[in-house]
Amino acid sequence: MNPDIERQQVLFLWTADSSLQSRVVGWNLHDGNDPDRDVAEVPYERGVDALEDGWRLIQSSALHTRSGEVHVAGVLEYEWMFERIVRRSM
């Protein structure tokens, strides 16, 4: 990557279950060229849609076994982290 002409974008998606085919329920985008960029609408309906759009999957959440509880408060557990390199806007 040449930082003079390229930048990294990092995308976090949280899905309804452990499949990239499932519905996106949360997201966050970090743009190396525009740190204040806000994405108000869901960028992809499913995790696989990000892959089809050129994002590279870096990491997914570890799967946890459930103890039988139906309702558990806490963080969204099915997190996917993607990145892509794009041309820096001048």
PDB file of N, CA and C in Angstrom:
ATOM      1  N   MET A   1       0.839  -1.172   0.000  1.00  0.00           N
ATOM      2  CA  MET A   1       0.000   0.000   0.000  1.00  0.00           C
ATOM      3  C   MET A   1       0.885   1.236   0.000  1.00  0.00           C
ATOM      4  N   ASN A   2       0.564   2.179  -0.854  1.00  0.00           N
ATOM      5  CA  ASN A   2       1.267   3.461  -0.908  1.00  0.00           C
ATOM      6  C   ASN A   2       0.402   4.509  -0.196  1.00  0.00           C
ATOM      7  N   PRO A   3       0.788   4.961   1.014  1.00  0.00           N
ATOM      8  CA  PRO A   3      -0.053   5.883   1.773  1.00  0.00           C
ATOM      9  C   PRO A   3      -0.227   7.254   1.123  1.00  0.00           C
ATOM     10  N   ASP A   4       0.594   7.572   0.131  1.00  0.00           N
ATOM     11  CA  ASP A   4       0.428   8.850  -0.565  1.00  0.00           C
ATOM     12  C   ASP A   4      -0.792   8.848  -1.479  1.00  0.00           C
ATOM     13  N   ILE A   5      -1.165   7.669  -1.976  1.00  0.00           N
ATOM     14  CA  ILE A   5      -2.290   7.609  -2.919  1.00  0.00           C
ATOM     15  C   ILE A   5      -3.398   6.646  -2.487  1.00  0.00           C
ATOM     16  N   GLU A   6      -3.143   5.866  -1.424  1.00  0.00           N
ATOM     17  CA  GLU A   6      -4.131   4.885  -0.979  1.00  0.00           C
ATOM     18  C   GLU A   6      -4.408   5.042   0.511  1.00  0.00           C
ATOM     19  N   ARG A   7      -5.569   4.529   0.942  1.00  0.00           N
ATOM     20  CA  ARG A   7      -5.916   4.531   2.352  1.00  0.00           C
ATOM     21  C   ARG A   7      -6.667   3.248   2.680  1.00  0.00           C
ATOM     22  N   GLN A   8      -6.700   2.944   3.942  1.00  0.00           N
ATOM     23  CA  GLN A   8      -7.405   1.758   4.410  1.00  0.00           C
ATOM     24  C   GLN A   8      -8.785   2.160   4.932  1.00  0.00           C
ATOM     25  N   GLN A   9      -9.762   1.328   4.643  1.00  0.00           N
ATOM     26  CA  GLN A   9     -11.081   1.428   5.250  1.00  0.00           C
ATOM     27  C   GLN A   9     -11.310   0.141   6.036  1.00  0.00           C
ATOM     28  N   VAL A  10     -11.880   0.271   7.223  1.00  0.00           N
ATOM     29  CA  VAL A  10     -12.188  -0.882   8.066  1.00  0.00           C
ATOM     30  C   VAL A  10     -13.680  -0.856   8.350  1.00  0.00           C
ATOM     31  N   LEU A  11     -14.333  -1.985   8.131  1.00  0.00           N
ATOM     32  CA  LEU A  11     -15.776  -2.106   8.304  1.00  0.00           C
ATOM     33  C   LEU A  11     -16.073  -3.210   9.306  1.00  0.00           C
ATOM     34  N   PHE A  12     -16.858  -2.885  10.331  1.00  0.00           N
ATOM     35  CA  PHE A  12     -17.338  -3.873  11.285  1.00  0.00           C
ATOM     36  C   PHE A  12     -18.811  -4.100  11.004  1.00  0.00           C
ATOM     37  N   LEU A  13     -19.197  -5.356  10.869  1.00  0.00           N
ATOM     38  CA  LEU A  13     -20.601  -5.716  10.717  1.00  0.00           C
ATOM     39  C   LEU A  13     -20.955  -6.704  11.811  1.00  0.00           C
ATOM     40  N   TRP A  14     -22.140  -6.548  12.388  1.00  0.00           N
ATOM     41  CA  TRP A  14     -22.679  -7.504  13.349  1.00  0.00           C
ATOM     42  C   TRP A  14     -23.907  -8.121  12.710  1.00  0.00           C
ATOM     43  N   THR A  15     -23.978  -9.437  12.715  1.00  0.00           N
ATOM     44  CA  THR A  15     -25.080 -10.140  12.072  1.00  0.00           C
ATOM     45  C   THR A  15     -25.980 -10.804  13.112  1.00  0.00           C
ATOM     46  N   ALA A  16     -27.159 -11.178  12.664  1.00  0.00           N
ATOM     47  CA  ALA A  16     -28.163 -11.760  13.560  1.00  0.00           C
ATOM     48  C   ALA A  16     -27.749 -13.138  14.085  1.00  0.00           C
ATOM     49  N   ASP A  17     -26.916 -13.854  13.329  1.00  0.00           N
ATOM     50  CA  ASP A  17     -26.402 -15.135  13.812  1.00  0.00           C
ATOM     51  C   ASP A  17     -24.998 -15.352  13.258  1.00  0.00           C
ATOM     52  N   SER A  18     -24.475 -16.544  13.383  1.00  0.00           N
ATOM     53  CA  SER A  18     -23.072 -16.808  13.072  1.00  0.00           C
ATOM     54  C   SER A  18     -22.763 -16.984  11.588  1.00  0.00           C
ATOM     55  N   SER A  19     -23.710 -16.737  10.723  1.00  0.00           N
ATOM     56  CA  SER A  19     -23.510 -16.909   9.288  1.00  0.00           C
ATOM     57  C   SER A  19     -23.334 -15.557   8.587  1.00  0.00           C
ATOM     58  N   LEU A  20     -22.415 -15.504   7.645  1.00  0.00           N
ATOM     59  CA  LEU A  20     -22.272 -14.293   6.819  1.00  0.00           C
ATOM     60  C   LEU A  20     -23.485 -14.075   5.927  1.00  0.00           C
ATOM     61  N   GLN A  21     -24.309 -15.094   5.777  1.00  0.00           N
ATOM     62  CA  GLN A  21     -25.539 -14.989   4.989  1.00  0.00           C
ATOM     63  C   GLN A  21     -26.659 -14.288   5.773  1.00  0.00           C
ATOM     64  N   SER A  22     -26.490 -14.139   7.075  1.00  0.00           N
ATOM     65  CA  SER A  22     -27.568 -13.592   7.902  1.00  0.00           C
ATOM     66  C   SER A  22     -27.632 -12.066   7.819  1.00  0.00           C
ATOM     67  N   ARG A  23     -28.710 -11.533   8.323  1.00  0.00           N
ATOM     68  CA  ARG A  23     -29.024 -10.107   8.270  1.00  0.00           C
ATOM     69  C   ARG A  23     -28.072  -9.293   9.145  1.00  0.00           C
ATOM     70  N   VAL A  24     -27.622  -8.150   8.623  1.00  0.00           N
ATOM     71  CA  VAL A  24     -26.780  -7.221   9.385  1.00  0.00           C
ATOM     72  C   VAL A  24     -27.664  -6.469  10.376  1.00  0.00           C
ATOM     73  N   VAL A  25     -27.250  -6.459  11.648  1.00  0.00           N
ATOM     74  CA  VAL A  25     -28.015  -5.771  12.689  1.00  0.00           C
ATOM     75  C   VAL A  25     -27.262  -4.575  13.279  1.00  0.00           C
ATOM     76  N   GLY A  26     -25.991  -4.423  12.935  1.00  0.00           N
ATOM     77  CA  GLY A  26     -25.189  -3.298  13.406  1.00  0.00           C
ATOM     78  C   GLY A  26     -23.971  -3.129  12.528  1.00  0.00           C
ATOM     79  N   TRP A  27     -23.405  -1.921  12.489  1.00  0.00           N
ATOM     80  CA  TRP A  27     -22.257  -1.667  11.635  1.00  0.00           C
ATOM     81  C   TRP A  27     -21.484  -0.458  12.130  1.00  0.00           C
ATOM     82  N   ASN A  28     -20.217  -0.376  11.691  1.00  0.00           N
ATOM     83  CA  ASN A  28     -19.370   0.772  11.962  1.00  0.00           C
ATOM     84  C   ASN A  28     -18.297   0.810  10.887  1.00  0.00           C
ATOM     85  N   LEU A  29     -18.070   1.978  10.304  1.00  0.00           N
ATOM     86  CA  LEU A  29     -17.079   2.146   9.243  1.00  0.00           C
ATOM     87  C   LEU A  29     -16.026   3.140   9.693  1.00  0.00           C
ATOM     88  N   HIS A  30     -14.752   2.762   9.540  1.00  0.00           N
ATOM     89  CA  HIS A  30     -13.628   3.654   9.823  1.00  0.00           C
ATOM     90  C   HIS A  30     -12.912   3.902   8.500  1.00  0.00           C
ATOM     91  N   ASP A  31     -12.842   5.167   8.106  1.00  0.00           N
ATOM     92  CA  ASP A  31     -12.265   5.543   6.811  1.00  0.00           C
ATOM     93  C   ASP A  31     -10.968   6.309   7.053  1.00  0.00           C
ATOM     94  N   GLY A  32      -9.865   5.800   6.532  1.00  0.00           N
ATOM     95  CA  GLY A  32      -8.566   6.437   6.714  1.00  0.00           C
ATOM     96  C   GLY A  32      -8.438   7.801   6.076  1.00  0.00           C
ATOM     97  N   ASN A  33      -9.327   8.154   5.181  1.00  0.00           N
ATOM     98  CA  ASN A  33      -9.272   9.448   4.518  1.00  0.00           C
ATOM     99  C   ASN A  33     -10.252  10.439   5.137  1.00  0.00           C
ATOM    100  N   ASP A  34     -11.295   9.950   5.754  1.00  0.00           N
ATOM    101  CA  ASP A  34     -12.341  10.808   6.307  1.00  0.00           C
ATOM    102  C   ASP A  34     -12.785  10.252   7.665  1.00  0.00           C
ATOM    103  N   PRO A  35     -12.017  10.543   8.737  1.00  0.00           N
ATOM    104  CA  PRO A  35     -12.322   9.952  10.041  1.00  0.00           C
ATOM    105  C   PRO A  35     -13.661  10.383  10.619  1.00  0.00           C
ATOM    106  N   ASP A  36     -14.256  11.462  10.120  1.00  0.00           N
ATOM    107  CA  ASP A  36     -15.545  11.930  10.632  1.00  0.00           C
ATOM    108  C   ASP A  36     -16.724  11.412   9.826  1.00  0.00           C
ATOM    109  N   ARG A  37     -16.448  10.583   8.834  1.00  0.00           N
ATOM    110  CA  ARG A  37     -17.515  10.037   7.989  1.00  0.00           C
ATOM    111  C   ARG A  37     -18.490   9.223   8.829  1.00  0.00           C
ATOM    112  N   ASP A  38     -19.761   9.498   8.660  1.00  0.00           N
ATOM    113  CA  ASP A  38     -20.805   8.791   9.391  1.00  0.00           C
ATOM    114  C   ASP A  38     -21.674   8.036   8.396  1.00  0.00           C
ATOM    115  N   VAL A  39     -21.876   6.759   8.640  1.00  0.00           N
ATOM    116  CA  VAL A  39     -22.721   5.940   7.777  1.00  0.00           C
ATOM    117  C   VAL A  39     -24.023   5.704   8.524  1.00  0.00           C
ATOM    118  N   ALA A  40     -25.044   6.456   8.145  1.00  0.00           N
ATOM    119  CA  ALA A  40     -26.315   6.410   8.866  1.00  0.00           C
ATOM    120  C   ALA A  40     -27.180   5.212   8.470  1.00  0.00           C
ATOM    121  N   GLU A  41     -27.036   4.739   7.244  1.00  0.00           N
ATOM    122  CA  GLU A  41     -27.845   3.606   6.782  1.00  0.00           C
ATOM    123  C   GLU A  41     -26.967   2.373   6.648  1.00  0.00           C
ATOM    124  N   VAL A  42     -27.571   1.224   6.887  1.00  0.00           N
ATOM    125  CA  VAL A  42     -26.820  -0.031   6.807  1.00  0.00           C
ATOM    126  C   VAL A  42     -26.173  -0.152   5.422  1.00  0.00           C
ATOM    127  N   PRO A  43     -24.842  -0.352   5.375  1.00  0.00           N
ATOM    128  CA  PRO A  43     -24.162  -0.401   4.082  1.00  0.00           C
ATOM    129  C   PRO A  43     -24.424  -1.689   3.305  1.00  0.00           C
ATOM    130  N   TYR A  44     -24.738  -2.775   4.007  1.00  0.00           N
ATOM    131  CA  TYR A  44     -24.995  -4.069   3.373  1.00  0.00           C
ATOM    132  C   TYR A  44     -26.108  -4.783   4.134  1.00  0.00           C
ATOM    133  N   GLU A  45     -26.919  -5.518   3.421  1.00  0.00           N
ATOM    134  CA  GLU A  45     -27.998  -6.281   4.055  1.00  0.00           C
ATOM    135  C   GLU A  45     -27.470  -7.546   4.728  1.00  0.00           C
ATOM    136  N   ARG A  46     -26.439  -8.163   4.132  1.00  0.00           N
ATOM    137  CA  ARG A  46     -25.844  -9.398   4.650  1.00  0.00           C
ATOM    138  C   ARG A  46     -24.325  -9.272   4.616  1.00  0.00           C
ATOM    139  N   GLY A  47     -23.650 -10.038   5.422  1.00  0.00           N
ATOM    140  CA  GLY A  47     -22.191 -10.010   5.445  1.00  0.00           C
ATOM    141  C   GLY A  47     -21.565 -10.386   4.115  1.00  0.00           C
ATOM    142  N   VAL A  48     -22.144 -11.359   3.426  1.00  0.00           N
ATOM    143  CA  VAL A  48     -21.579 -11.784   2.139  1.00  0.00           C
ATOM    144  C   VAL A  48     -21.648 -10.672   1.097  1.00  0.00           C
ATOM    145  N   ASP A  49     -22.578  -9.733   1.266  1.00  0.00           N
ATOM    146  CA  ASP A  49     -22.667  -8.612   0.327  1.00  0.00           C
ATOM    147  C   ASP A  49     -21.409  -7.750   0.380  1.00  0.00           C
ATOM    148  N   ALA A  50     -20.800  -7.622   1.545  1.00  0.00           N
ATOM    149  CA  ALA A  50     -19.547  -6.875   1.673  1.00  0.00           C
ATOM    150  C   ALA A  50     -18.426  -7.591   0.914  1.00  0.00           C
ATOM    151  N   LEU A  51     -18.382  -8.912   1.023  1.00  0.00           N
ATOM    152  CA  LEU A  51     -17.369  -9.684   0.279  1.00  0.00           C
ATOM    153  C   LEU A  51     -17.546  -9.493  -1.229  1.00  0.00           C
ATOM    154  N   GLU A  52     -18.779  -9.530  -1.677  1.00  0.00           N
ATOM    155  CA  GLU A  52     -19.060  -9.368  -3.103  1.00  0.00           C
ATOM    156  C   GLU A  52     -18.695  -7.969  -3.604  1.00  0.00           C
ATOM    157  N   ASP A  53     -18.650  -6.995  -2.687  1.00  0.00           N
ATOM    158  CA  ASP A  53     -18.323  -5.618  -3.041  1.00  0.00           C
ATOM    159  C   ASP A  53     -16.829  -5.320  -2.914  1.00  0.00           C
ATOM    160  N   GLY A  54     -16.021  -6.346  -2.638  1.00  0.00           N
ATOM    161  CA  GLY A  54     -14.577  -6.163  -2.618  1.00  0.00           C
ATOM    162  C   GLY A  54     -13.931  -6.030  -1.254  1.00  0.00           C
ATOM    163  N   TRP A  55     -14.712  -6.103  -0.181  1.00  0.00           N
ATOM    164  CA  TRP A  55     -14.133  -6.073   1.151  1.00  0.00           C
ATOM    165  C   TRP A  55     -13.475  -7.411   1.444  1.00  0.00           C
ATOM    166  N   ARG A  56     -12.354  -7.391   2.156  1.00  0.00           N
ATOM    167  CA  ARG A  56     -11.656  -8.611   2.561  1.00  0.00           C
ATOM    168  C   ARG A  56     -11.959  -8.892   4.027  1.00  0.00           C
ATOM    169  N   LEU A  57     -12.360 -10.126   4.311  1.00  0.00           N
ATOM    170  CA  LEU A  57     -12.664 -10.527   5.680  1.00  0.00           C
ATOM    171  C   LEU A  57     -11.356 -10.719   6.439  1.00  0.00           C
ATOM    172  N   ILE A  58     -11.227 -10.028   7.564  1.00  0.00           N
ATOM    173  CA  ILE A  58     -10.026 -10.132   8.390  1.00  0.00           C
ATOM    174  C   ILE A  58     -10.269 -11.040   9.589  1.00  0.00           C
ATOM    175  N   GLN A  59     -11.421 -10.869  10.238  1.00  0.00           N
ATOM    176  CA  GLN A  59     -11.664 -11.587  11.478  1.00  0.00           C
ATOM    177  C   GLN A  59     -13.155 -11.760  11.710  1.00  0.00           C
ATOM    178  N   SER A  60     -13.493 -12.861  12.350  1.00  0.00           N
ATOM    179  CA  SER A  60     -14.878 -13.072  12.789  1.00  0.00           C
ATOM    180  C   SER A  60     -14.858 -13.413  14.271  1.00  0.00           C
ATOM    181  N   SER A  61     -15.994 -13.294  14.906  1.00  0.00           N
ATOM    182  CA  SER A  61     -16.093 -13.576  16.337  1.00  0.00           C
ATOM    183  C   SER A  61     -15.983 -15.070  16.620  1.00  0.00           C
ATOM    184  N   ALA A  62     -15.455 -15.354  17.778  1.00  0.00           N
ATOM    185  CA  ALA A  62     -15.444 -16.743  18.240  1.00  0.00           C
ATOM    186  C   ALA A  62     -16.871 -17.122  18.622  1.00  0.00           C
ATOM    187  N   LEU A  63     -17.260 -18.348  18.336  1.00  0.00           N
ATOM    188  CA  LEU A  63     -18.591 -18.816  18.708  1.00  0.00           C
ATOM    189  C   LEU A  63     -18.596 -19.234  20.174  1.00  0.00           C
ATOM    190  N   HIS A  64     -19.649 -18.857  20.883  1.00  0.00           N
ATOM    191  CA  HIS A  64     -19.786 -19.174  22.298  1.00  0.00           C
ATOM    192  C   HIS A  64     -20.936 -20.152  22.488  1.00  0.00           C
ATOM    193  N   THR A  65     -20.761 -21.067  23.403  1.00  0.00           N
ATOM    194  CA  THR A  65     -21.860 -21.967  23.715  1.00  0.00           C
ATOM    195  C   THR A  65     -22.818 -21.269  24.669  1.00  0.00           C
ATOM    196  N   ARG A  66     -24.086 -21.540  24.512  1.00  0.00           N
ATOM    197  CA  ARG A  66     -25.122 -20.926  25.353  1.00  0.00           C
ATOM    198  C   ARG A  66     -25.456 -21.851  26.515  1.00  0.00           C
ATOM    199  N   SER A  67     -25.779 -21.248  27.642  1.00  0.00           N
ATOM    200  CA  SER A  67     -26.108 -22.039  28.831  1.00  0.00           C
ATOM    201  C   SER A  67     -27.608 -22.274  28.960  1.00  0.00           C
ATOM    202  N   GLY A  68     -28.366 -22.051  27.890  1.00  0.00           N
ATOM    203  CA  GLY A  68     -29.792 -22.291  27.932  1.00  0.00           C
ATOM    204  C   GLY A  68     -30.618 -21.061  28.220  1.00  0.00           C
ATOM    205  N   GLU A  69     -29.982 -19.915  28.462  1.00  0.00           N
ATOM    206  CA  GLU A  69     -30.724 -18.692  28.735  1.00  0.00           C
ATOM    207  C   GLU A  69     -31.302 -18.145  27.430  1.00  0.00           C
ATOM    208  N   VAL A  70     -32.560 -17.740  27.480  1.00  0.00           N
ATOM    209  CA  VAL A  70     -33.244 -17.249  26.295  1.00  0.00           C
ATOM    210  C   VAL A  70     -32.871 -15.803  25.995  1.00  0.00           C
ATOM    211  N   HIS A  71     -32.836 -14.969  27.015  1.00  0.00           N
ATOM    212  CA  HIS A  71     -32.532 -13.549  26.842  1.00  0.00           C
ATOM    213  C   HIS A  71     -31.269 -13.205  27.616  1.00  0.00           C
ATOM    214  N   VAL A  72     -30.248 -12.760  26.893  1.00  0.00           N
ATOM    215  CA  VAL A  72     -28.990 -12.409  27.526  1.00  0.00           C
ATOM    216  C   VAL A  72     -28.632 -10.989  27.106  1.00  0.00           C
ATOM    217  N   ALA A  73     -28.393 -10.125  28.068  1.00  0.00           N
ATOM    218  CA  ALA A  73     -27.974  -8.757  27.756  1.00  0.00           C
ATOM    219  C   ALA A  73     -26.467  -8.733  27.517  1.00  0.00           C
ATOM    220  N   GLY A  74     -26.022  -7.828  26.669  1.00  0.00           N
ATOM    221  CA  GLY A  74     -24.589  -7.705  26.428  1.00  0.00           C
ATOM    222  C   GLY A  74     -24.316  -7.197  25.031  1.00  0.00           C
ATOM    223  N   VAL A  75     -23.098  -7.409  24.587  1.00  0.00           N
ATOM    224  CA  VAL A  75     -22.679  -6.925  23.279  1.00  0.00           C
ATOM    225  C   VAL A  75     -23.234  -7.820  22.177  1.00  0.00           C
ATOM    226  N   LEU A  76     -23.246  -7.284  20.959  1.00  0.00           N
ATOM    227  CA  LEU A  76     -23.614  -8.104  19.795  1.00  0.00           C
ATOM    228  C   LEU A  76     -22.466  -9.072  19.545  1.00  0.00           C
ATOM    229  N   GLU A  77     -22.762 -10.350  19.515  1.00  0.00           N
ATOM    230  CA  GLU A  77     -21.672 -11.327  19.511  1.00  0.00           C
ATOM    231  C   GLU A  77     -21.174 -11.745  18.130  1.00  0.00           C
ATOM    232  N   TYR A  78     -21.946 -11.582  17.082  1.00  0.00           N
ATOM    233  CA  TYR A  78     -21.519 -12.063  15.770  1.00  0.00           C
ATOM    234  C   TYR A  78     -20.907 -10.908  14.985  1.00  0.00           C
ATOM    235  N   GLU A  79     -19.640 -10.635  15.284  1.00  0.00           N
ATOM    236  CA  GLU A  79     -18.932  -9.502  14.711  1.00  0.00           C
ATOM    237  C   GLU A  79     -18.002  -9.970  13.586  1.00  0.00           C
ATOM    238  N   TRP A  80     -18.022  -9.217  12.496  1.00  0.00           N
ATOM    239  CA  TRP A  80     -17.170  -9.496  11.343  1.00  0.00           C
ATOM    240  C   TRP A  80     -16.373  -8.229  11.046  1.00  0.00           C
ATOM    241  N   MET A  81     -15.093  -8.377  10.815  1.00  0.00           N
ATOM    242  CA  MET A  81     -14.247  -7.226  10.529  1.00  0.00           C
ATOM    243  C   MET A  81     -13.691  -7.372   9.116  1.00  0.00           C
ATOM    244  N   PHE A  82     -13.893  -6.329   8.312  1.00  0.00           N
ATOM    245  CA  PHE A  82     -13.455  -6.316   6.918  1.00  0.00           C
ATOM    246  C   PHE A  82     -12.517  -5.136   6.689  1.00  0.00           C
ATOM    247  N   GLU A  83     -11.721  -5.214   5.636  1.00  0.00           N
ATOM    248  CA  GLU A  83     -10.920  -4.070   5.227  1.00  0.00           C
ATOM    249  C   GLU A  83     -10.834  -4.029   3.718  1.00  0.00           C
ATOM    250  N   ARG A  84     -10.587  -2.835   3.221  1.00  0.00           N
ATOM    251  CA  ARG A  84     -10.275  -2.670   1.810  1.00  0.00           C
ATOM    252  C   ARG A  84      -9.370  -1.463   1.671  1.00  0.00           C
ATOM    253  N   ILE A  85      -8.589  -1.466   0.603  1.00  0.00           N
ATOM    254  CA  ILE A  85      -7.690  -0.367   0.287  1.00  0.00           C
ATOM    255  C   ILE A  85      -8.310   0.387  -0.888  1.00  0.00           C
ATOM    256  N   VAL A  86      -8.463   1.695  -0.741  1.00  0.00           N
ATOM    257  CA  VAL A  86      -9.060   2.521  -1.791  1.00  0.00           C
ATOM    258  C   VAL A  86      -8.134   3.690  -2.088  1.00  0.00           C
ATOM    259  N   ARG A  87      -8.338   4.308  -3.249  1.00  0.00           N
ATOM    260  CA  ARG A  87      -7.558   5.479  -3.624  1.00  0.00           C
ATOM    261  C   ARG A  87      -7.904   6.655  -2.725  1.00  0.00           C
ATOM    262  N   ARG A  88      -6.892   7.366  -2.297  1.00  0.00           N
ATOM    263  CA  ARG A  88      -7.064   8.540  -1.445  1.00  0.00           C
ATOM    264  C   ARG A  88      -7.673   9.660  -2.285  1.00  0.00           C
ATOM    265  N   SER A  89      -8.696  10.309  -1.753  1.00  0.00           N
ATOM    266  CA  SER A  89      -9.285  11.449  -2.471  1.00  0.00           C
ATOM    267  C   SER A  89      -8.392  12.664  -2.264  1.00  0.00           C
ATOM    268  N   MET A  90      -8.190  13.370  -3.297  1.00  0.00           N
ATOM    269  CA  MET A  90      -7.271  14.528  -3.241  1.00  0.00           C
ATOM    270  C   MET A  90      -8.038  15.817  -3.072  1.00  0.00           C
TER     271      MET A  90
END
